[in-house]
Amino acid sequence: MSFVEYGDTIKDGDTAIVFLGHESMFPVKVQHGTVTQTKYGVIRHSTDLIGKKYGSKVTCSKGGWVFILHPTPELWTMNLPHRTQILYSTDISVITMMLELKPGSIVCESGTGSASLSHALIRTVAPTGHLYTVEFHQQRAEKAREEFREHGVEHLVTVTNQDVCKNGFGVSNVADAVFLDIPSPWEAIGHAKSALKAEGGRICSFSPCIEQVQRTCLAMEEYGFTEINTLEILLRVYNVRTVSLQIPDLGKAAEDNSSMGFDSSNPSNQGSLGANLQQGTVQFKSGVPLREMVGHTGYLTFATKS
């Protein structure tokens, strides 16, 4: 199993996603002799998982069933254990596009955090690219190394435990892109410039506060970066529902029929219209935004090395 290479069957030691529904899923480490409890009953790894194909429908002990999915960066972002706040697919998709990443790209990242973005970057630059990721916190760095090894991508990433603002990324003039997600990104702009290739490299800084963005932009100008721009990505989800509205009294019933676009020659429409007219309402589908939505996540500042 690897996050960048698809495997057909579930093997002992794999990380798999147990899918109960669109709003309910979780990762599991497949191990011989282990069981996993779900609300539908027990999943026995030895008999229910190992040797089965990814995507299989597995029946649990209580008669309910789940799907076992092959892990991807998108699924991992939704299910990973949070060691820090993470970036989600909305921001990740823009970052990978604006940094112009492709297979073979060399990327420097700080900090690693929960490695949500890291997995997406690795999948994008595979099979010949490389990610150099720096994490200040030692335990988080060690956990990231462990996860990359378990997920079969350790050959595509180098994890370094150090302060990027003082010691940089550990590489010079090789990176096609640099990503910063640290409290004071302006202190690392010089090191980012040193890590980037001689000309044309891209940099992105993620910051939740506009004051951080201002200081970072000033530092980018000081170090000669061009095409500096900041944007914010907001995701607005719409909920489709059936809405009932009262029919206005506009006069004759025949005129109402024609204005509503009903085919009176169709028996099914006649029955439906008659029922609606008797009730004084008409139903139609409407898309409305959710009452609560995730608003501000952070500002993304992009620039190019001149």
Foldseek 3Di string as FASTA:
>chain_A
DAQQDDDFAFAQLAWKKWAPDPVDIEIDGQHQQDWDADPQAIDHRNPFGGGHTQQDWGAHPNGDITGIHHDYLQVCLVHFDFPDDDDHPQVLVVVCVQQVFAAAFEEEEPACGSVSSVRVNLNRNPDNYAYQHEYQDPVRLVVVCVVCVSNVRNVRYDYHHHDCLPPNRPAFQRGLEYEYEDPQCLSNVVSRNRRHHPFWRKYKYWFQDVVSVVSNVVSCVVQAWPPKDKDFDFDWDKDKDKDKDFDDCPDDPVVVCVVVPFDCVDPVSVVVVVVCVVVRIDMDIDIDTDPDGDGGDTMMIMTTHD
